[in-house]
């Protein structure tokens, strides 16, 4: 991973310092200001703003990874087998889904009635 390379880390630090000087923004000052905003929001019982400021502090510190996925295709373009395979994969990835869906999944021609 690039972050493990000391030369990469050194260059990142240099770029951050250059930007800090250029825009008079430092990491420490930025995070401190966000903490002040959070504290003001908390003292005013504006919890949504406090959470947003705290999340911004975490993002600035690199604690969050912004991940976006672009999915192609739609379920109505998939075959029945592809849909069932995707449902099975989701249930394996998220066991709670399988527990919730237990007995609720009815596939054409496979439903049985109990008397």
N, C-alpha and C. Protein backbone atom coordinates (compact mmCIF):
# COMPACT_ATOMS: atom_id res chain seq x y z
N UNK A 1 0.86 -1.18 0.00
CA UNK A 1 0.00 0.00 0.00
C UNK A 1 0.90 1.24 0.00
N UNK A 2 0.47 2.26 -0.70
CA UNK A 2 1.28 3.46 -0.85
C UNK A 2 1.55 4.18 0.47
N UNK A 3 0.59 4.15 1.38
CA UNK A 3 0.76 4.88 2.64
C UNK A 3 1.89 4.30 3.49
N UNK A 4 2.28 3.08 3.22
CA UNK A 4 3.35 2.46 3.97
C UNK A 4 4.73 2.92 3.49
N UNK A 5 4.77 3.50 2.30
CA UNK A 5 6.02 3.97 1.73
C UNK A 5 6.39 5.31 2.37
N UNK A 6 7.53 5.39 3.05
CA UNK A 6 7.91 6.62 3.74
C UNK A 6 8.05 7.82 2.80
N UNK A 7 8.49 7.59 1.58
CA UNK A 7 8.62 8.70 0.63
C UNK A 7 7.26 9.26 0.24
N UNK A 8 6.29 8.37 0.11
CA UNK A 8 4.93 8.82 -0.20
C UNK A 8 4.37 9.61 0.97
N UNK A 9 4.55 9.09 2.18
CA UNK A 9 4.07 9.80 3.37
C UNK A 9 4.72 11.17 3.50
N UNK A 10 6.01 11.24 3.22
CA UNK A 10 6.72 12.52 3.30
C UNK A 10 6.17 13.51 2.28
N UNK A 11 5.92 13.03 1.07
CA UNK A 11 5.40 13.92 0.02
C UNK A 11 3.98 14.39 0.36
N UNK A 12 3.17 13.51 0.91
CA UNK A 12 1.81 13.88 1.32
C UNK A 12 1.89 14.98 2.37
N UNK A 13 2.78 14.83 3.34
CA UNK A 13 2.95 15.84 4.39
C UNK A 13 3.40 17.17 3.79
N UNK A 14 4.30 17.12 2.81
CA UNK A 14 4.77 18.35 2.15
C UNK A 14 3.62 19.05 1.42
N UNK A 15 2.83 18.29 0.70
CA UNK A 15 1.70 18.87 -0.04
C UNK A 15 0.69 19.48 0.93
N UNK A 16 0.40 18.78 2.02
CA UNK A 16 -0.53 19.31 3.02
C UNK A 16 0.00 20.62 3.60
N UNK A 17 1.29 20.67 3.86
CA UNK A 17 1.88 21.89 4.43
C UNK A 17 1.81 23.03 3.41
N UNK A 18 2.10 22.73 2.14
CA UNK A 18 2.04 23.76 1.09
C UNK A 18 0.62 24.31 0.98
N UNK A 19 -0.37 23.43 1.01
CA UNK A 19 -1.77 23.87 0.92
C UNK A 19 -2.16 24.65 2.17
N UNK A 20 -1.66 24.22 3.31
CA UNK A 20 -1.95 24.94 4.56
C UNK A 20 -1.43 26.35 4.52
N UNK A 21 -0.24 26.53 3.99
CA UNK A 21 0.33 27.87 3.87
C UNK A 21 -0.44 28.67 2.84
N UNK A 22 -0.74 28.04 1.71
CA UNK A 22 -1.42 28.73 0.61
C UNK A 22 -2.80 29.22 1.04
N UNK A 23 -3.56 28.38 1.71
CA UNK A 23 -4.93 28.73 2.09
C UNK A 23 -5.08 29.04 3.57
N UNK A 24 -3.99 29.09 4.27
CA UNK A 24 -3.98 29.35 5.70
C UNK A 24 -4.89 28.39 6.45
N UNK A 25 -4.86 27.15 6.05
CA UNK A 25 -5.63 26.11 6.70
C UNK A 25 -4.67 25.00 7.09
N UNK A 26 -4.73 24.63 8.34
CA UNK A 26 -3.93 23.50 8.79
C UNK A 26 -4.89 22.42 9.26
N UNK A 27 -4.42 21.22 9.27
CA UNK A 27 -5.24 20.12 9.73
C UNK A 27 -5.70 20.37 11.16
N UNK A 28 -4.76 20.75 12.00
CA UNK A 28 -5.08 20.98 13.41
C UNK A 28 -6.11 22.09 13.58
N UNK A 29 -5.91 23.20 12.85
CA UNK A 29 -6.84 24.32 12.94
C UNK A 29 -8.22 23.95 12.44
N UNK A 30 -8.24 23.18 11.35
CA UNK A 30 -9.52 22.76 10.76
C UNK A 30 -10.30 21.87 11.73
N UNK A 31 -9.62 20.89 12.28
CA UNK A 31 -10.28 19.97 13.21
C UNK A 31 -10.70 20.70 14.48
N UNK A 32 -9.88 21.64 14.93
CA UNK A 32 -10.21 22.43 16.12
C UNK A 32 -11.47 23.26 15.87
N UNK A 33 -11.56 23.89 14.71
CA UNK A 33 -12.73 24.71 14.37
C UNK A 33 -13.99 23.84 14.30
N UNK A 34 -13.85 22.66 13.71
CA UNK A 34 -15.00 21.76 13.67
C UNK A 34 -15.43 21.34 15.07
N UNK A 35 -14.46 21.16 15.97
CA UNK A 35 -14.80 20.83 17.36
C UNK A 35 -15.55 21.98 18.02
N UNK A 36 -15.13 23.22 17.73
CA UNK A 36 -15.83 24.38 18.27
C UNK A 36 -17.27 24.45 17.74
N UNK A 37 -17.43 24.17 16.46
CA UNK A 37 -18.77 24.16 15.86
C UNK A 37 -19.62 23.07 16.52
N UNK A 38 -19.03 21.90 16.70
CA UNK A 38 -19.74 20.80 17.35
C UNK A 38 -20.18 21.19 18.75
N UNK A 39 -19.25 21.77 19.53
CA UNK A 39 -19.57 22.16 20.91
C UNK A 39 -20.66 23.22 20.97
N UNK A 40 -20.61 24.18 20.05
CA UNK A 40 -21.65 25.22 20.00
C UNK A 40 -23.01 24.61 19.65
N UNK A 41 -22.99 23.66 18.72
CA UNK A 41 -24.24 23.00 18.34
C UNK A 41 -24.79 22.18 19.50
N UNK A 42 -23.92 21.49 20.23
CA UNK A 42 -24.38 20.71 21.38
C UNK A 42 -24.96 21.60 22.46
N UNK A 43 -24.29 22.73 22.73
CA UNK A 43 -24.79 23.62 23.78
C UNK A 43 -26.12 24.25 23.38
N UNK A 44 -26.38 24.35 22.10
CA UNK A 44 -27.66 24.87 21.63
C UNK A 44 -28.68 23.78 21.34
N UNK A 45 -28.37 22.55 21.75
CA UNK A 45 -29.24 21.38 21.54
C UNK A 45 -29.52 21.12 20.07
N UNK A 46 -28.61 21.51 19.20
CA UNK A 46 -28.74 21.24 17.77
C UNK A 46 -27.91 20.00 17.47
N UNK A 47 -28.48 18.85 17.78
CA UNK A 47 -27.74 17.60 17.73
C UNK A 47 -27.39 17.18 16.30
N UNK A 48 -28.25 17.50 15.35
CA UNK A 48 -27.95 17.14 13.96
C UNK A 48 -26.69 17.87 13.48
N UNK A 49 -26.58 19.15 13.80
CA UNK A 49 -25.39 19.92 13.41
C UNK A 49 -24.16 19.42 14.16
N UNK A 50 -24.33 19.02 15.41
CA UNK A 50 -23.21 18.50 16.19
C UNK A 50 -22.69 17.19 15.59
N UNK A 51 -23.61 16.33 15.20
CA UNK A 51 -23.22 15.07 14.58
C UNK A 51 -22.52 15.33 13.25
N UNK A 52 -23.06 16.27 12.47
CA UNK A 52 -22.44 16.59 11.18
C UNK A 52 -21.03 17.14 11.36
N UNK A 53 -20.83 17.99 12.34
CA UNK A 53 -19.51 18.55 12.60
C UNK A 53 -18.54 17.46 13.07
N UNK A 54 -19.02 16.57 13.91
CA UNK A 54 -18.16 15.49 14.40
C UNK A 54 -17.81 14.53 13.27
N UNK A 55 -18.78 14.25 12.40
CA UNK A 55 -18.49 13.39 11.25
C UNK A 55 -17.47 14.06 10.33
N UNK A 56 -17.59 15.37 10.15
CA UNK A 56 -16.62 16.10 9.33
C UNK A 56 -15.23 16.03 9.94
N UNK A 57 -15.15 16.07 11.26
CA UNK A 57 -13.84 15.92 11.93
C UNK A 57 -13.26 14.55 11.63
N UNK A 58 -14.09 13.54 11.70
CA UNK A 58 -13.63 12.18 11.40
C UNK A 58 -13.18 12.03 9.96
N UNK A 59 -13.93 12.66 9.05
CA UNK A 59 -13.53 12.61 7.64
C UNK A 59 -12.20 13.32 7.43
N UNK A 60 -12.02 14.46 8.07
CA UNK A 60 -10.76 15.19 7.94
C UNK A 60 -9.59 14.37 8.47
N UNK A 61 -9.85 13.60 9.50
CA UNK A 61 -8.80 12.77 10.10
C UNK A 61 -8.59 11.47 9.34
N UNK A 62 -9.43 11.22 8.33
CA UNK A 62 -9.27 10.00 7.54
C UNK A 62 -9.88 8.77 8.17
N UNK A 63 -10.83 8.96 9.09
CA UNK A 63 -11.45 7.83 9.77
C UNK A 63 -12.55 7.18 8.94
N UNK A 64 -13.05 7.89 7.94
CA UNK A 64 -14.12 7.37 7.10
C UNK A 64 -13.62 7.21 5.67
N UNK A 65 -14.15 6.20 5.00
CA UNK A 65 -13.85 5.99 3.59
C UNK A 65 -15.15 6.20 2.84
N UNK A 66 -15.13 7.12 1.89
CA UNK A 66 -16.31 7.38 1.08
C UNK A 66 -16.31 6.39 -0.08
N UNK A 67 -17.22 5.45 -0.02
CA UNK A 67 -17.26 4.39 -1.02
C UNK A 67 -18.55 4.49 -1.80
N UNK A 68 -18.42 4.50 -3.10
CA UNK A 68 -19.60 4.56 -3.97
C UNK A 68 -19.49 3.43 -4.98
N UNK A 69 -20.60 2.80 -5.22
CA UNK A 69 -20.63 1.73 -6.20
C UNK A 69 -21.67 2.08 -7.26
N UNK A 70 -21.29 1.87 -8.48
CA UNK A 70 -22.23 2.09 -9.58
C UNK A 70 -22.61 0.72 -10.10
N UNK A 71 -23.86 0.40 -9.95
CA UNK A 71 -24.35 -0.90 -10.38
C UNK A 71 -24.96 -0.77 -11.77
N UNK A 72 -24.66 -1.74 -12.58
CA UNK A 72 -25.19 -1.73 -13.94
C UNK A 72 -26.25 -2.82 -14.05
N UNK A 73 -27.25 -2.55 -14.82
CA UNK A 73 -28.30 -3.53 -15.03
C UNK A 73 -29.42 -3.38 -14.03
N UNK A 74 -30.51 -4.01 -14.36
CA UNK A 74 -31.68 -3.95 -13.49
C UNK A 74 -32.20 -5.35 -13.30
N UNK A 75 -32.96 -5.53 -12.25
CA UNK A 75 -33.46 -6.87 -11.93
C UNK A 75 -34.35 -7.41 -13.05
N UNK A 76 -35.08 -6.54 -13.74
CA UNK A 76 -35.96 -7.03 -14.82
C UNK A 76 -35.16 -7.43 -16.07
N UNK A 77 -33.85 -7.17 -16.05
CA UNK A 77 -33.00 -7.59 -17.17
C UNK A 77 -32.25 -8.88 -16.83
N UNK A 78 -32.48 -9.39 -15.62
CA UNK A 78 -31.79 -10.61 -15.17
C UNK A 78 -32.69 -11.81 -15.38
N UNK A 79 -32.06 -12.96 -15.60
CA UNK A 79 -32.83 -14.20 -15.69
C UNK A 79 -33.25 -14.63 -14.28
N UNK A 80 -34.19 -15.55 -14.22
CA UNK A 80 -34.66 -16.06 -12.93
C UNK A 80 -33.48 -16.66 -12.15
N UNK A 81 -32.62 -17.41 -12.83
CA UNK A 81 -31.48 -18.03 -12.18
C UNK A 81 -30.52 -16.98 -11.62
N UNK A 82 -30.31 -15.88 -12.37
CA UNK A 82 -29.43 -14.81 -11.90
C UNK A 82 -29.99 -14.12 -10.67
N UNK A 83 -31.30 -13.92 -10.67
CA UNK A 83 -31.96 -13.29 -9.51
C UNK A 83 -31.82 -14.19 -8.28
N UNK A 84 -32.10 -15.48 -8.44
CA UNK A 84 -32.00 -16.41 -7.32
C UNK A 84 -30.56 -16.50 -6.82
N UNK A 85 -29.60 -16.50 -7.73
CA UNK A 85 -28.19 -16.54 -7.33
C UNK A 85 -27.82 -15.28 -6.55
N UNK A 86 -28.31 -14.11 -6.99
CA UNK A 86 -28.02 -12.86 -6.28
C UNK A 86 -28.68 -12.84 -4.91
N UNK A 87 -29.89 -13.36 -4.80
CA UNK A 87 -30.57 -13.44 -3.50
C UNK A 87 -29.78 -14.34 -2.56
N UNK A 88 -29.32 -15.48 -3.07
CA UNK A 88 -28.53 -16.40 -2.24
C UNK A 88 -27.23 -15.74 -1.79
N UNK A 89 -26.58 -15.01 -2.67
CA UNK A 89 -25.34 -14.33 -2.33
C UNK A 89 -25.59 -13.28 -1.23
N UNK A 90 -26.67 -12.51 -1.37
CA UNK A 90 -27.01 -11.51 -0.36
C UNK A 90 -27.28 -12.17 0.99
N UNK A 91 -27.98 -13.28 0.97
CA UNK A 91 -28.28 -13.97 2.22
C UNK A 91 -27.01 -14.53 2.87
N UNK A 92 -26.05 -14.95 2.06
CA UNK A 92 -24.78 -15.43 2.61
C UNK A 92 -23.98 -14.27 3.19
N UNK A 93 -24.00 -13.12 2.49
CA UNK A 93 -23.27 -11.95 2.96
C UNK A 93 -23.90 -11.32 4.19
N UNK A 94 -25.22 -11.41 4.28
CA UNK A 94 -25.97 -10.80 5.37
C UNK A 94 -26.91 -11.85 5.98
N UNK A 95 -26.41 -12.68 6.90
CA UNK A 95 -27.21 -13.78 7.47
C UNK A 95 -28.54 -13.32 8.08
N UNK A 96 -28.59 -12.10 8.58
CA UNK A 96 -29.85 -11.61 9.17
C UNK A 96 -30.96 -11.57 8.12
N UNK A 97 -30.62 -11.31 6.87
CA UNK A 97 -31.62 -11.29 5.81
C UNK A 97 -32.23 -12.67 5.63
N UNK A 98 -31.40 -13.68 5.71
CA UNK A 98 -31.89 -15.03 5.54
C UNK A 98 -32.87 -15.39 6.65
N UNK A 99 -32.55 -14.99 7.88
CA UNK A 99 -33.45 -15.28 9.00
C UNK A 99 -34.78 -14.58 8.84
N UNK A 100 -34.75 -13.34 8.36
CA UNK A 100 -35.98 -12.58 8.17
C UNK A 100 -36.80 -13.14 7.02
N UNK A 101 -36.13 -13.54 5.94
CA UNK A 101 -36.81 -14.00 4.74
C UNK A 101 -37.25 -15.46 4.84
N UNK A 102 -36.81 -16.16 5.88
CA UNK A 102 -37.13 -17.58 6.03
C UNK A 102 -38.63 -17.81 5.87
N UNK A 103 -39.01 -18.54 4.85
CA UNK A 103 -40.42 -18.86 4.62
C UNK A 103 -41.19 -17.78 3.89
N UNK A 104 -40.59 -16.63 3.65
CA UNK A 104 -41.29 -15.55 2.96
C UNK A 104 -41.00 -15.51 1.47
N UNK A 105 -39.98 -16.22 1.02
CA UNK A 105 -39.59 -16.19 -0.37
C UNK A 105 -40.36 -17.26 -1.13
N UNK A 106 -41.21 -16.84 -2.04
CA UNK A 106 -42.00 -17.77 -2.84
C UNK A 106 -41.59 -17.60 -4.28
N UNK A 107 -41.19 -18.70 -4.87
CA UNK A 107 -40.78 -18.71 -6.27
C UNK A 107 -41.87 -19.40 -7.07
N UNK A 108 -42.17 -18.90 -8.25
CA UNK A 108 -43.24 -19.43 -9.09
C UNK A 108 -43.26 -20.94 -9.08
N UNK A 109 -44.44 -21.49 -8.80
CA UNK A 109 -44.62 -22.93 -8.86
C UNK A 109 -44.04 -23.69 -7.67
N UNK A 110 -43.43 -23.01 -6.74
CA UNK A 110 -42.81 -23.71 -5.62
C UNK A 110 -43.57 -23.50 -4.30
N UNK A 111 -44.62 -22.72 -4.32
CA UNK A 111 -45.36 -22.46 -3.09
C UNK A 111 -46.18 -23.67 -2.72
N UNK A 112 -46.20 -23.98 -1.45
CA UNK A 112 -47.03 -25.08 -0.95
C UNK A 112 -47.95 -24.53 0.11
N UNK A 113 -49.14 -25.11 0.18
CA UNK A 113 -50.08 -24.68 1.21
C UNK A 113 -50.21 -25.76 2.24
N UNK A 114 -50.17 -25.33 3.48
CA UNK A 114 -50.33 -26.28 4.57
C UNK A 114 -51.74 -26.15 5.10
N UNK A 115 -52.41 -27.28 5.28
CA UNK A 115 -53.79 -27.26 5.78
C UNK A 115 -53.82 -27.46 7.26
